[in-house]
PDB file of N, CA and C in Angstrom:
ATOM      1  N   MET A   1     -99.602  62.069 -68.474  1.00  0.00           N
ATOM      2  CA  MET A   1    -100.057  60.919 -67.721  1.00  0.00           C
ATOM      3  C   MET A   1     -99.075  59.745 -67.858  1.00  0.00           C
ATOM      4  N   LYS A   2     -98.523  59.556 -69.062  1.00  0.00           N
ATOM      5  CA  LYS A   2     -97.586  58.455 -69.265  1.00  0.00           C
ATOM      6  C   LYS A   2     -96.346  58.612 -68.397  1.00  0.00           C
ATOM      7  N   GLN A   3     -95.845  59.849 -68.240  1.00  0.00           N
ATOM      8  CA  GLN A   3     -94.664  60.071 -67.420  1.00  0.00           C
ATOM      9  C   GLN A   3     -94.933  59.693 -65.964  1.00  0.00           C
ATOM     10  N   ALA A   4     -96.094  60.064 -65.467  1.00  0.00           N
ATOM     11  CA  ALA A   4     -96.444  59.751 -64.082  1.00  0.00           C
ATOM     12  C   ALA A   4     -96.551  58.241 -63.892  1.00  0.00           C
ATOM     13  N   THR A   5     -97.131  57.556 -64.855  1.00  0.00           N
ATOM     14  CA  THR A   5     -97.266  56.107 -64.773  1.00  0.00           C
ATOM     15  C   THR A   5     -95.899  55.439 -64.807  1.00  0.00           C
ATOM     16  N   CYS A   6     -95.018  55.897 -65.684  1.00  0.00           N
ATOM     17  CA  CYS A   6     -93.668  55.341 -65.766  1.00  0.00           C
ATOM     18  C   CYS A   6     -92.909  55.584 -64.472  1.00  0.00           C
ATOM     19  N   PHE A   7     -93.043  56.805 -63.916  1.00  0.00           N
ATOM     20  CA  PHE A   7     -92.357  57.117 -62.668  1.00  0.00           C
ATOM     21  C   PHE A   7     -92.847  56.206 -61.543  1.00  0.00           C
ATOM     22  N   LEU A   8     -94.158  56.035 -61.421  1.00  0.00           N
ATOM     23  CA  LEU A   8     -94.699  55.173 -60.369  1.00  0.00           C
ATOM     24  C   LEU A   8     -94.258  53.727 -60.556  1.00  0.00           C
ATOM     25  N   LEU A   9     -94.216  53.283 -61.799  1.00  0.00           N
ATOM     26  CA  LEU A   9     -93.765  51.922 -62.079  1.00  0.00           C
ATOM     27  C   LEU A   9     -92.294  51.743 -61.692  1.00  0.00           C
ATOM     28  N   LEU A  10     -91.459  52.719 -62.032  1.00  0.00           N
ATOM     29  CA  LEU A  10     -90.038  52.657 -61.656  1.00  0.00           C
ATOM     30  C   LEU A  10     -89.864  52.718 -60.141  1.00  0.00           C
ATOM     31  N   LEU A  11     -90.644  53.564 -59.482  1.00  0.00           N
ATOM     32  CA  LEU A  11     -90.569  53.663 -58.024  1.00  0.00           C
ATOM     33  C   LEU A  11     -90.963  52.345 -57.380  1.00  0.00           C
ATOM     34  N   TRP A  12     -92.051  51.745 -57.850  1.00  0.00           N
ATOM     35  CA  TRP A  12     -92.490  50.455 -57.318  1.00  0.00           C
ATOM     36  C   TRP A  12     -91.434  49.379 -57.568  1.00  0.00           C
ATOM     37  N   ALA A  13     -90.881  49.354 -58.771  1.00  0.00           N
ATOM     38  CA  ALA A  13     -89.881  48.342 -59.116  1.00  0.00           C
ATOM     39  C   ALA A  13     -88.637  48.488 -58.251  1.00  0.00           C
ATOM     40  N   SER A  14     -88.216  49.713 -57.976  1.00  0.00           N
ATOM     41  CA  SER A  14     -87.018  49.890 -57.158  1.00  0.00           C
ATOM     42  C   SER A  14     -87.247  49.378 -55.739  1.00  0.00           C
ATOM     43  N   HIS A  15     -88.451  49.560 -55.206  1.00  0.00           N
ATOM     44  CA  HIS A  15     -88.750  49.027 -53.874  1.00  0.00           C
ATOM     45  C   HIS A  15     -88.902  47.518 -53.908  1.00  0.00           C
ATOM     46  N   ALA A  16     -89.449  47.007 -54.975  1.00  0.00           N
ATOM     47  CA  ALA A  16     -89.635  45.559 -55.097  1.00  0.00           C
ATOM     48  C   ALA A  16     -88.303  44.842 -55.271  1.00  0.00           C
ATOM     49  N   ILE A  17     -87.372  45.455 -55.971  1.00  0.00           N
ATOM     50  CA  ILE A  17     -86.086  44.828 -56.244  1.00  0.00           C
ATOM     51  C   ILE A  17     -85.140  44.954 -55.053  1.00  0.00           C
ATOM     52  N   SER A  18     -85.172  46.067 -54.341  1.00  0.00           N
ATOM     53  CA  SER A  18     -84.231  46.295 -53.252  1.00  0.00           C
ATOM     54  C   SER A  18     -84.183  45.171 -52.227  1.00  0.00           C
ATOM     55  N   PRO A  19     -85.316  44.711 -51.667  1.00  0.00           N
ATOM     56  CA  PRO A  19     -85.228  43.617 -50.705  1.00  0.00           C
ATOM     57  C   PRO A  19     -84.669  42.342 -51.326  1.00  0.00           C
ATOM     58  N   ALA A  20     -85.023  42.071 -52.559  1.00  0.00           N
ATOM     59  CA  ALA A  20     -84.507  40.872 -53.221  1.00  0.00           C
ATOM     60  C   ALA A  20     -82.999  40.975 -53.401  1.00  0.00           C
ATOM     61  N   TYR A  21     -82.516  42.142 -53.769  1.00  0.00           N
ATOM     62  CA  TYR A  21     -81.083  42.344 -53.950  1.00  0.00           C
ATOM     63  C   TYR A  21     -80.353  42.154 -52.628  1.00  0.00           C
ATOM     64  N   ALA A  22     -80.899  42.738 -51.571  1.00  0.00           N
ATOM     65  CA  ALA A  22     -80.257  42.626 -50.256  1.00  0.00           C
ATOM     66  C   ALA A  22     -80.225  41.188 -49.781  1.00  0.00           C
ATOM     67  N   SER A  23     -81.252  40.426 -50.095  1.00  0.00           N
ATOM     68  CA  SER A  23     -81.302  39.048 -49.613  1.00  0.00           C
ATOM     69  C   SER A  23     -80.388  38.121 -50.417  1.00  0.00           C
ATOM     70  N   ARG A  24     -79.956  38.532 -51.565  1.00  0.00           N
ATOM     71  CA  ARG A  24     -79.081  37.668 -52.359  1.00  0.00           C
ATOM     72  C   ARG A  24     -77.788  37.341 -51.624  1.00  0.00           C
ATOM     73  N   GLU A  25     -77.210  38.336 -50.958  1.00  0.00           N
ATOM     74  CA  GLU A  25     -75.973  38.078 -50.222  1.00  0.00           C
ATOM     75  C   GLU A  25     -76.215  37.003 -49.166  1.00  0.00           C
ATOM     76  N   SER A  26     -77.328  37.093 -48.456  1.00  0.00           N
ATOM     77  CA  SER A  26     -77.625  36.088 -47.423  1.00  0.00           C
ATOM     78  C   SER A  26     -77.898  34.731 -48.059  1.00  0.00           C
ATOM     79  N   TRP A  27     -78.439  34.722 -49.272  1.00  0.00           N
ATOM     80  CA  TRP A  27     -78.667  33.443 -49.948  1.00  0.00           C
ATOM     81  C   TRP A  27     -77.331  32.770 -50.239  1.00  0.00           C
ATOM     82  N   TYR A  28     -76.401  33.528 -50.821  1.00  0.00           N
ATOM     83  CA  TYR A  28     -75.062  32.991 -51.093  1.00  0.00           C
ATOM     84  C   TYR A  28     -74.411  32.527 -49.791  1.00  0.00           C
ATOM     85  N   GLN A  29     -74.539  33.354 -48.780  1.00  0.00           N
ATOM     86  CA  GLN A  29     -73.958  33.056 -47.473  1.00  0.00           C
ATOM     87  C   GLN A  29     -74.488  31.734 -46.928  1.00  0.00           C
ATOM     88  N   ASN A  30     -75.800  31.574 -46.935  1.00  0.00           N
ATOM     89  CA  ASN A  30     -76.399  30.357 -46.385  1.00  0.00           C
ATOM     90  C   ASN A  30     -76.037  29.114 -47.195  1.00  0.00           C
ATOM     91  N   VAL A  31     -76.076  29.227 -48.510  1.00  0.00           N
ATOM     92  CA  VAL A  31     -75.759  28.081 -49.361  1.00  0.00           C
ATOM     93  C   VAL A  31     -74.296  27.674 -49.183  1.00  0.00           C
ATOM     94  N   TRP A  32     -73.391  28.656 -49.209  1.00  0.00           N
ATOM     95  CA  TRP A  32     -71.969  28.340 -49.080  1.00  0.00           C
ATOM     96  C   TRP A  32     -71.668  27.783 -47.699  1.00  0.00           C
ATOM     97  N   CYS A  33     -72.173  28.426 -46.681  1.00  0.00           N
ATOM     98  CA  CYS A  33     -71.890  28.025 -45.305  1.00  0.00           C
ATOM     99  C   CYS A  33     -72.447  26.622 -45.020  1.00  0.00           C
ATOM    100  N   ASP A  34     -73.672  26.362 -45.455  1.00  0.00           N
ATOM    101  CA  ASP A  34     -74.241  25.016 -45.296  1.00  0.00           C
ATOM    102  C   ASP A  34     -73.395  23.986 -46.032  1.00  0.00           C
ATOM    103  N   GLY A  35     -72.899  24.365 -47.215  1.00  0.00           N
ATOM    104  CA  GLY A  35     -72.105  23.456 -48.032  1.00  0.00           C
ATOM    105  C   GLY A  35     -70.790  23.040 -47.395  1.00  0.00           C
ATOM    106  N   VAL A  36     -70.246  23.895 -46.524  1.00  0.00           N
ATOM    107  CA  VAL A  36     -68.982  23.556 -45.864  1.00  0.00           C
ATOM    108  C   VAL A  36     -69.201  23.097 -44.421  1.00  0.00           C
ATOM    109  N   GLY A  37     -70.467  22.948 -44.041  1.00  0.00           N
ATOM    110  CA  GLY A  37     -70.779  22.483 -42.691  1.00  0.00           C
ATOM    111  C   GLY A  37     -70.611  23.538 -41.619  1.00  0.00           C
ATOM    112  N   GLY A  38     -70.737  24.809 -42.010  1.00  0.00           N
ATOM    113  CA  GLY A  38     -70.604  25.900 -41.049  1.00  0.00           C
ATOM    114  C   GLY A  38     -71.938  26.339 -40.486  1.00  0.00           C
ATOM    115  N   GLU A  39     -71.876  27.337 -39.642  1.00  0.00           N
ATOM    116  CA  GLU A  39     -73.073  27.915 -39.037  1.00  0.00           C
ATOM    117  C   GLU A  39     -73.186  29.365 -39.492  1.00  0.00           C
ATOM    118  N   SER A  40     -74.347  29.735 -40.025  1.00  0.00           N
ATOM    119  CA  SER A  40     -74.573  31.090 -40.537  1.00  0.00           C
ATOM    120  C   SER A  40     -75.037  32.042 -39.436  1.00  0.00           C
ATOM    121  N   GLU A  41     -74.674  33.310 -39.614  1.00  0.00           N
ATOM    122  CA  GLU A  41     -75.156  34.394 -38.750  1.00  0.00           C
ATOM    123  C   GLU A  41     -74.941  34.115 -37.267  1.00  0.00           C
ATOM    124  N   VAL A  42     -73.708  33.875 -36.895  1.00  0.00           N
ATOM    125  CA  VAL A  42     -73.374  33.580 -35.505  1.00  0.00           C
ATOM    126  C   VAL A  42     -73.192  34.899 -34.755  1.00  0.00           C
ATOM    127  N   LYS A  43     -74.045  35.121 -33.756  1.00  0.00           N
ATOM    128  CA  LYS A  43     -73.954  36.339 -32.944  1.00  0.00           C
ATOM    129  C   LYS A  43     -72.906  36.140 -31.860  1.00  0.00           C
ATOM    130  N   LEU A  44     -71.956  37.059 -31.824  1.00  0.00           N
ATOM    131  CA  LEU A  44     -70.877  36.989 -30.845  1.00  0.00           C
ATOM    132  C   LEU A  44     -71.276  37.737 -29.572  1.00  0.00           C
ATOM    133  N   PRO A  45     -70.730  37.349 -28.438  1.00  0.00           N
ATOM    134  CA  PRO A  45     -71.031  38.049 -27.187  1.00  0.00           C
ATOM    135  C   PRO A  45     -70.697  39.546 -27.247  1.00  0.00           C
ATOM    136  N   GLN A  46     -69.703  39.911 -28.073  1.00  0.00           N
ATOM    137  CA  GLN A  46     -69.291  41.306 -28.209  1.00  0.00           C
ATOM    138  C   GLN A  46     -70.258  42.113 -29.071  1.00  0.00           C
ATOM    139  N   GLY A  47     -71.216  41.447 -29.726  1.00  0.00           N
ATOM    140  CA  GLY A  47     -72.220  42.157 -30.510  1.00  0.00           C
ATOM    141  C   GLY A  47     -72.309  41.820 -31.984  1.00  0.00           C
ATOM    142  N   PRO A  48     -71.183  41.763 -32.713  1.00  0.00           N
ATOM    143  CA  PRO A  48     -71.287  41.515 -34.158  1.00  0.00           C
ATOM    144  C   PRO A  48     -71.810  40.121 -34.491  1.00  0.00           C
ATOM    145  N   ARG A  49     -72.287  40.000 -35.711  1.00  0.00           N
ATOM    146  CA  ARG A  49     -72.698  38.706 -36.258  1.00  0.00           C
ATOM    147  C   ARG A  49     -71.699  38.317 -37.335  1.00  0.00           C
ATOM    148  N   VAL A  50     -71.205  37.090 -37.241  1.00  0.00           N
ATOM    149  CA  VAL A  50     -70.276  36.571 -38.240  1.00  0.00           C
ATOM    150  C   VAL A  50     -71.108  35.844 -39.292  1.00  0.00           C
ATOM    151  N   ASP A  51     -70.840  36.123 -40.563  1.00  0.00           N
ATOM    152  CA  ASP A  51     -71.631  35.529 -41.644  1.00  0.00           C
ATOM    153  C   ASP A  51     -71.588  34.009 -41.624  1.00  0.00           C
ATOM    154  N   CYS A  52     -70.416  33.434 -41.380  1.00  0.00           N
ATOM    155  CA  CYS A  52     -70.277  31.984 -41.362  1.00  0.00           C
ATOM    156  C   CYS A  52     -69.124  31.598 -40.440  1.00  0.00           C
ATOM    157  N   VAL A  53     -69.397  30.637 -39.565  1.00  0.00           N
ATOM    158  CA  VAL A  53     -68.360  30.130 -38.677  1.00  0.00           C
ATOM    159  C   VAL A  53     -68.203  28.631 -38.921  1.00  0.00           C
ATOM    160  N   THR A  54     -66.960  28.224 -39.202  1.00  0.00           N
ATOM    161  CA  THR A  54     -66.646  26.800 -39.335  1.00  0.00           C
ATOM    162  C   THR A  54     -65.768  26.404 -38.143  1.00  0.00           C
ATOM    163  N   LYS A  55     -65.319  25.182 -38.132  1.00  0.00           N
ATOM    164  CA  LYS A  55     -64.449  24.742 -37.039  1.00  0.00           C
ATOM    165  C   LYS A  55     -63.149  25.533 -36.992  1.00  0.00           C
ATOM    166  N   THR A  56     -62.729  26.044 -38.152  1.00  0.00           N
ATOM    167  CA  THR A  56     -61.428  26.706 -38.222  1.00  0.00           C
ATOM    168  C   THR A  56     -61.475  28.193 -38.572  1.00  0.00           C
ATOM    169  N   HIS A  57     -62.576  28.670 -39.179  1.00  0.00           N
ATOM    170  CA  HIS A  57     -62.601  30.033 -39.718  1.00  0.00           C
ATOM    171  C   HIS A  57     -63.846  30.831 -39.301  1.00  0.00           C
ATOM    172  N   ALA A  58     -63.632  32.125 -39.116  1.00  0.00           N
ATOM    173  CA  ALA A  58     -64.711  33.105 -39.005  1.00  0.00           C
ATOM    174  C   ALA A  58     -64.726  33.841 -40.339  1.00  0.00           C
ATOM    175  N   ILE A  59     -65.840  33.747 -41.065  1.00  0.00           N
ATOM    176  CA  ILE A  59     -65.853  34.126 -42.482  1.00  0.00           C
ATOM    177  C   ILE A  59     -66.838  35.258 -42.764  1.00  0.00           C
ATOM    178  N   GLU A  60     -66.355  36.244 -43.482  1.00  0.00           N
ATOM    179  CA  GLU A  60     -67.185  37.323 -44.000  1.00  0.00           C
ATOM    180  C   GLU A  60     -67.550  36.976 -45.432  1.00  0.00           C
ATOM    181  N   VAL A  61     -68.838  37.060 -45.759  1.00  0.00           N
ATOM    182  CA  VAL A  61     -69.314  36.812 -47.118  1.00  0.00           C
ATOM    183  C   VAL A  61     -69.761  38.153 -47.681  1.00  0.00           C
ATOM    184  N   ASP A  62     -69.198  38.531 -48.830  1.00  0.00           N
ATOM    185  CA  ASP A  62     -69.538  39.830 -49.402  1.00  0.00           C
ATOM    186  C   ASP A  62     -69.398  39.822 -50.910  1.00  0.00           C
ATOM    187  N   PHE A  63     -70.088  40.786 -51.535  1.00  0.00           N
ATOM    188  CA  PHE A  63     -69.955  40.963 -52.969  1.00  0.00           C
ATOM    189  C   PHE A  63     -68.563  41.507 -53.284  1.00  0.00           C
ATOM    190  N   ALA A  64     -68.070  41.189 -54.463  1.00  0.00           N
ATOM    191  CA  ALA A  64     -66.694  41.489 -54.854  1.00  0.00           C
ATOM    192  C   ALA A  64     -66.326  42.960 -54.690  1.00  0.00           C
ATOM    193  N   HIS A  65     -67.240  43.860 -55.015  1.00  0.00           N
ATOM    194  CA  HIS A  65     -66.901  45.287 -54.951  1.00  0.00           C
ATOM    195  C   HIS A  65     -66.713  45.781 -53.515  1.00  0.00           C
ATOM    196  N   LYS A  66     -67.057  44.955 -52.520  1.00  0.00           N
ATOM    197  CA  LYS A  66     -66.889  45.331 -51.118  1.00  0.00           C
ATOM    198  C   LYS A  66     -65.707  44.598 -50.480  1.00  0.00           C
ATOM    199  N   TRP A  67     -64.721  44.231 -51.297  1.00  0.00           N
ATOM    200  CA  TRP A  67     -63.592  43.439 -50.810  1.00  0.00           C
ATOM    201  C   TRP A  67     -62.787  44.158 -49.732  1.00  0.00           C
ATOM    202  N   THR A  68     -62.691  45.481 -49.801  1.00  0.00           N
ATOM    203  CA  THR A  68     -61.911  46.200 -48.796  1.00  0.00           C
ATOM    204  C   THR A  68     -62.556  46.087 -47.421  1.00  0.00           C
ATOM    205  N   GLU A  69     -63.879  46.205 -47.379  1.00  0.00           N
ATOM    206  CA  GLU A  69     -64.599  46.049 -46.116  1.00  0.00           C
ATOM    207  C   GLU A  69     -64.470  44.625 -45.598  1.00  0.00           C
ATOM    208  N   ALA A  70     -64.540  43.675 -46.501  1.00  0.00           N
ATOM    209  CA  ALA A  70     -64.483  42.256 -46.118  1.00  0.00           C
ATOM    210  C   ALA A  70     -63.152  41.923 -45.437  1.00  0.00           C
ATOM    211  N   ILE A  71     -62.067  42.526 -45.893  1.00  0.00           N
ATOM    212  CA  ILE A  71     -60.765  42.270 -45.277  1.00  0.00           C
ATOM    213  C   ILE A  71     -60.785  42.694 -43.811  1.00  0.00           C
ATOM    214  N   GLY A  72     -61.234  43.889 -43.548  1.00  0.00           N
ATOM    215  CA  GLY A  72     -61.287  44.382 -42.175  1.00  0.00           C
ATOM    216  C   GLY A  72     -62.225  43.568 -41.294  1.00  0.00           C
ATOM    217  N   GLN A  73     -63.400  43.260 -41.812  1.00  0.00           N
ATOM    218  CA  GLN A  73     -64.367  42.494 -41.025  1.00  0.00           C
ATOM    219  C   GLN A  73     -63.844  41.098 -40.707  1.00  0.00           C
ATOM    220  N   SER A  74     -63.232  40.444 -41.686  1.00  0.00           N
ATOM    221  CA  SER A  74     -62.752  39.082 -41.446  1.00  0.00           C
ATOM    222  C   SER A  74     -61.662  39.063 -40.377  1.00  0.00           C
ATOM    223  N   LEU A  75     -60.776  40.047 -40.409  1.00  0.00           N
ATOM    224  CA  LEU A  75     -59.721  40.119 -39.392  1.00  0.00           C
ATOM    225  C   LEU A  75     -60.316  40.401 -38.010  1.00  0.00           C
ATOM    226  N   TYR A  76     -61.304  41.255 -37.960  1.00  0.00           N
ATOM    227  CA  TYR A  76     -61.970  41.579 -36.694  1.00  0.00           C
ATOM    228  C   TYR A  76     -62.673  40.343 -36.128  1.00  0.00           C
ATOM    229  N   TYR A  77     -63.403  39.621 -36.981  1.00  0.00           N
ATOM    230  CA  TYR A  77     -64.100  38.412 -36.524  1.00  0.00           C
ATOM    231  C   TYR A  77     -63.110  37.354 -36.042  1.00  0.00           C
ATOM    232  N   ALA A  78     -61.979  37.251 -36.717  1.00  0.00           N
ATOM    233  CA  ALA A  78     -60.959  36.294 -36.300  1.00  0.00           C
ATOM    234  C   ALA A  78     -60.433  36.660 -34.913  1.00  0.00           C
ATOM    235  N   GLU A  79     -60.208  37.932 -34.697  1.00  0.00           N
ATOM    236  CA  GLU A  79     -59.724  38.398 -33.397  1.00  0.00           C
ATOM    237  C   GLU A  79     -60.736  38.085 -32.289  1.00  0.00           C
ATOM    238  N   LEU A  80     -62.005  38.316 -32.561  1.00  0.00           N
ATOM    239  CA  LEU A  80     -63.041  38.100 -31.553  1.00  0.00           C
ATOM    240  C   LEU A  80     -63.288  36.621 -31.253  1.00  0.00           C
ATOM    241  N   THR A  81     -63.109  35.769 -32.254  1.00  0.00           N
ATOM    242  CA  THR A  81     -63.439  34.348 -32.085  1.00  0.00           C
ATOM    243  C   THR A  81     -62.242  33.462 -31.779  1.00  0.00           C
ATOM    244  N   GLY A  82     -61.035  33.936 -32.100  1.00  0.00           N
ATOM    245  CA  GLY A  82     -59.854  33.094 -31.964  1.00  0.00           C
ATOM    246  C   GLY A  82     -59.700  32.113 -33.116  1.00  0.00           C
ATOM    247  N   LEU A  83     -60.524  32.280 -34.149  1.00  0.00           N
ATOM    248  CA  LEU A  83     -60.445  31.436 -35.344  1.00  0.00           C
ATOM    249  C   LEU A  83     -59.632  32.148 -36.424  1.00  0.00           C
ATOM    250  N   LYS A  84     -59.375  31.451 -37.507  1.00  0.00           N
ATOM    251  CA  LYS A  84     -58.685  32.044 -38.651  1.00  0.00           C
ATOM    252  C   LYS A  84     -59.666  32.931 -39.412  1.00  0.00           C
ATOM    253  N   ALA A  85     -59.141  33.956 -40.076  1.00  0.00           N
ATOM    254  CA  ALA A  85     -59.954  34.869 -40.880  1.00  0.00           C
ATOM    255  C   ALA A  85     -60.233  34.265 -42.249  1.00  0.00           C
ATOM    256  N   GLY A  86     -61.448  34.486 -42.739  1.00  0.00           N
ATOM    257  CA  GLY A  86     -61.805  34.017 -44.073  1.00  0.00           C
ATOM    258  C   GLY A  86     -62.771  34.964 -44.751  1.00  0.00           C
ATOM    259  N   ILE A  87     -62.705  34.967 -46.066  1.00  0.00           N
ATOM    260  CA  ILE A  87     -63.616  35.776 -46.885  1.00  0.00           C
ATOM    261  C   ILE A  87     -64.142  34.918 -48.020  1.00  0.00           C
ATOM    262  N   VAL A  88     -65.457  34.946 -48.210  1.00  0.00           N
ATOM    263  CA  VAL A  88     -66.066  34.405 -49.421  1.00  0.00           C
ATOM    264  C   VAL A  88     -66.443  35.626 -50.239  1.00  0.00           C
ATOM    265  N   LEU A  89     -65.813  35.773 -51.394  1.00  0.00           N
ATOM    266  CA  LEU A  89     -66.054  36.914 -52.263  1.00  0.00           C
ATOM    267  C   LEU A  89     -66.984  36.488 -53.399  1.00  0.00           C
ATOM    268  N   ILE A  90     -68.153  37.109 -53.447  1.00  0.00           N
ATOM    269  CA  ILE A  90     -69.177  36.760 -54.433  1.00  0.00           C
ATOM    270  C   ILE A  90     -68.898  37.496 -55.739  1.00  0.00           C
ATOM    271  N   LEU A  91     -68.639  36.732 -56.798  1.00  0.00           N
ATOM    272  CA  LEU A  91     -68.404  37.291 -58.128  1.00  0.00           C
ATOM    273  C   LEU A  91     -69.668  37.062 -58.943  1.00  0.00           C
ATOM    274  N   LYS A  92     -70.391  38.134 -59.228  1.00  0.00           N
ATOM    275  CA  LYS A  92     -71.643  37.999 -59.976  1.00  0.00           C
ATOM    276  C   LYS A  92     -71.407  37.842 -61.467  1.00  0.00           C
ATOM    277  N   SER A  93     -70.271  38.338 -61.948  1.00  0.00           N
ATOM    278  CA  SER A  93     -69.933  38.208 -63.362  1.00  0.00           C
ATOM    279  C   SER A  93     -68.416  38.291 -63.510  1.00  0.00           C
ATOM    280  N   HIS A  94     -67.962  38.047 -64.720  1.00  0.00           N
ATOM    281  CA  HIS A  94     -66.513  38.120 -64.973  1.00  0.00           C
ATOM    282  C   HIS A  94     -65.965  39.533 -64.776  1.00  0.00           C
ATOM    283  N   SER A  95     -66.837  40.530 -64.833  1.00  0.00           N
ATOM    284  CA  SER A  95     -66.372  41.909 -64.624  1.00  0.00           C
ATOM    285  C   SER A  95     -65.973  42.162 -63.167  1.00  0.00           C
ATOM    286  N   ASP A  96     -66.284  41.226 -62.263  1.00  0.00           N
ATOM    287  CA  ASP A  96     -65.875  41.352 -60.862  1.00  0.00           C
ATOM    288  C   ASP A  96     -64.451  40.846 -60.615  1.00  0.00           C
ATOM    289  N   THR A  97     -63.837  40.249 -61.619  1.00  0.00           N
ATOM    290  CA  THR A  97     -62.502  39.673 -61.466  1.00  0.00           C
ATOM    291  C   THR A  97     -61.459  40.681 -60.975  1.00  0.00           C
ATOM    292  N   PRO A  98     -61.471  41.947 -61.429  1.00  0.00           N
ATOM    293  CA  PRO A  98     -60.482  42.898 -60.900  1.00  0.00           C
ATOM    294  C   PRO A  98     -60.583  43.087 -59.377  1.00  0.00           C
ATOM    295  N   HIS A  99     -61.781  42.981 -58.830  1.00  0.00           N
ATOM    296  CA  HIS A  99     -61.945  43.086 -57.373  1.00  0.00           C
ATOM    297  C   HIS A  99     -61.272  41.896 -56.686  1.00  0.00           C
ATOM    298  N   LEU A 100     -61.476  40.720 -57.224  1.00  0.00           N
ATOM    299  CA  LEU A 100     -60.837  39.519 -56.683  1.00  0.00           C
ATOM    300  C   LEU A 100     -59.319  39.657 -56.759  1.00  0.00           C
ATOM    301  N   ASP A 101     -58.828  40.101 -57.919  1.00  0.00           N
ATOM    302  CA  ASP A 101     -57.381  40.280 -58.103  1.00  0.00           C
ATOM    303  C   ASP A 101     -56.812  41.273 -57.088  1.00  0.00           C
ATOM    304  N   ALA A 102     -57.530  42.367 -56.858  1.00  0.00           N
ATOM    305  CA  ALA A 102     -57.061  43.383 -55.908  1.00  0.00           C
ATOM    306  C   ALA A 102     -57.021  42.815 -54.495  1.00  0.00           C
ATOM    307  N   ALA A 103     -58.051  42.078 -54.109  1.00  0.00           N
ATOM    308  CA  ALA A 103     -58.085  41.477 -52.770  1.00  0.00           C
ATOM    309  C   ALA A 103     -56.922  40.505 -52.599  1.00  0.00           C
ATOM    310  N   GLN A 104     -56.707  39.664 -53.590  1.00  0.00           N
ATOM    311  CA  GLN A 104     -55.601  38.700 -53.520  1.00  0.00           C
ATOM    312  C   GLN A 104     -54.256  39.423 -53.429  1.00  0.00           C
ATOM    313  N   LYS A 105     -54.100  40.493 -54.176  1.00  0.00           N
ATOM    314  CA  LYS A 105     -52.843  41.248 -54.183  1.00  0.00           C
ATOM    315  C   LYS A 105     -52.555  41.839 -52.804  1.00  0.00           C
ATOM    316  N   ILE A 106     -53.554  42.441 -52.183  1.00  0.00           N
ATOM    317  CA  ILE A 106     -53.364  43.054 -50.859  1.00  0.00           C
ATOM    318  C   ILE A 106     -53.098  41.985 -49.807  1.00  0.00           C
ATOM    319  N   ILE A 107     -53.822  40.890 -49.866  1.00  0.00           N
ATOM    320  CA  ILE A 107     -53.618  39.793 -48.901  1.00  0.00           C
ATOM    321  C   ILE A 107     -52.193  39.260 -49.015  1.00  0.00           C
ATOM    322  N   ARG A 108     -51.713  39.065 -50.248  1.00  0.00           N
ATOM    323  CA  ARG A 108     -50.336  38.584 -50.453  1.00  0.00           C
ATOM    324  C   ARG A 108     -49.299  39.631 -50.057  1.00  0.00           C
ATOM    325  N   ARG A 109     -49.500  40.856 -50.516  1.00  0.00           N
ATOM    326  CA  ARG A 109     -48.501  41.913 -50.297  1.00  0.00           C
ATOM    327  C   ARG A 109     -48.244  42.161 -48.810  1.00  0.00           C
ATOM    328  N   TYR A 110     -49.312  42.161 -48.026  1.00  0.00           N
ATOM    329  CA  TYR A 110     -49.169  42.437 -46.596  1.00  0.00           C
ATOM    330  C   TYR A 110     -49.195  41.168 -45.748  1.00  0.00           C
ATOM    331  N   ASN A 111     -49.114  40.035 -46.434  1.00  0.00           N
ATOM    332  CA  ASN A 111     -49.059  38.745 -45.757  1.00  0.00           C
ATOM    333  C   ASN A 111     -50.176  38.601 -44.719  1.00  0.00           C
ATOM    334  N   LEU A 112     -51.382  38.976 -45.122  1.00  0.00           N
ATOM    335  CA  LEU A 112     -52.523  38.924 -44.206  1.00  0.00           C
ATOM    336  C   LEU A 112     -52.964  37.476 -44.014  1.00  0.00           C
ATOM    337  N   PRO A 113     -53.268  37.110 -42.792  1.00  0.00           N
ATOM    338  CA  PRO A 113     -53.675  35.726 -42.509  1.00  0.00           C
ATOM    339  C   PRO A 113     -55.147  35.497 -42.829  1.00  0.00           C
ATOM    340  N   ILE A 114     -55.482  35.634 -44.108  1.00  0.00           N
ATOM    341  CA  ILE A 114     -56.874  35.510 -44.547  1.00  0.00           C
ATOM    342  C   ILE A 114     -56.963  34.470 -45.649  1.00  0.00           C
ATOM    343  N   LYS A 115     -57.878  33.529 -45.500  1.00  0.00           N
ATOM    344  CA  LYS A 115     -58.198  32.557 -46.555  1.00  0.00           C
ATOM    345  C   LYS A 115     -59.292  33.184 -47.405  1.00  0.00           C
ATOM    346  N   LEU A 116     -59.101  33.197 -48.715  1.00  0.00           N
ATOM    347  CA  LEU A 116     -60.059  33.813 -49.637  1.00  0.00           C
ATOM    348  C   LEU A 116     -60.646  32.760 -50.562  1.00  0.00           C
ATOM    349  N   TRP A 117     -61.975  32.660 -50.554  1.00  0.00           N
ATOM    350  CA  TRP A 117     -62.682  31.754 -51.448  1.00  0.00           C
ATOM    351  C   TRP A 117     -63.517  32.561 -52.420  1.00  0.00           C
ATOM    352  N   PRO A 118     -63.189  32.535 -53.718  1.00  0.00           N
ATOM    353  CA  PRO A 118     -64.058  33.191 -54.702  1.00  0.00           C
ATOM    354  C   PRO A 118     -65.283  32.316 -54.952  1.00  0.00           C
ATOM    355  N   LEU A 119     -66.426  32.956 -55.080  1.00  0.00           N
ATOM    356  CA  LEU A 119     -67.676  32.255 -55.348  1.00  0.00           C
ATOM    357  C   LEU A 119     -68.346  32.900 -56.540  1.00  0.00           C
ATOM    358  N   GLY A 120     -68.366  32.206 -57.639  1.00  0.00           N
ATOM    359  CA  GLY A 120     -68.995  32.767 -58.832  1.00  0.00           C
ATOM    360  C   GLY A 120     -68.287  32.308 -60.098  1.00  0.00           C
ATOM    361  N   PRO A 121     -68.596  33.037 -61.169  1.00  0.00           N
ATOM    362  CA  PRO A 121     -68.076  32.599 -62.487  1.00  0.00           C
ATOM    363  C   PRO A 121     -66.571  32.639 -62.602  1.00  0.00           C
TER     364      PRO A 121
END
């Protein structure tokens, strides 16, 4: 009986935590974007939604471990909007620093026109 109770508790907790985890990225996105005077979740005529649009940048906001995806998305959003590409990389802890370092290295090495803002510790 204890195993079944533990399993149900873990199953419930995983469902309870999942929506909260997913919404954290949007929380960071909204707080950062509002802080710089941008507009969050801008739907483009071509279909995609840009996480944050400022007067100068179309910005992808993502967790550090998704830096490779963020590079592609930011360049795509820049192409669609005619704005500069930007990435806000969310660092949840110091262990995310290698992801930031890798993103910076690729942006520099290939001279990518992307502004990178680290957000976190």
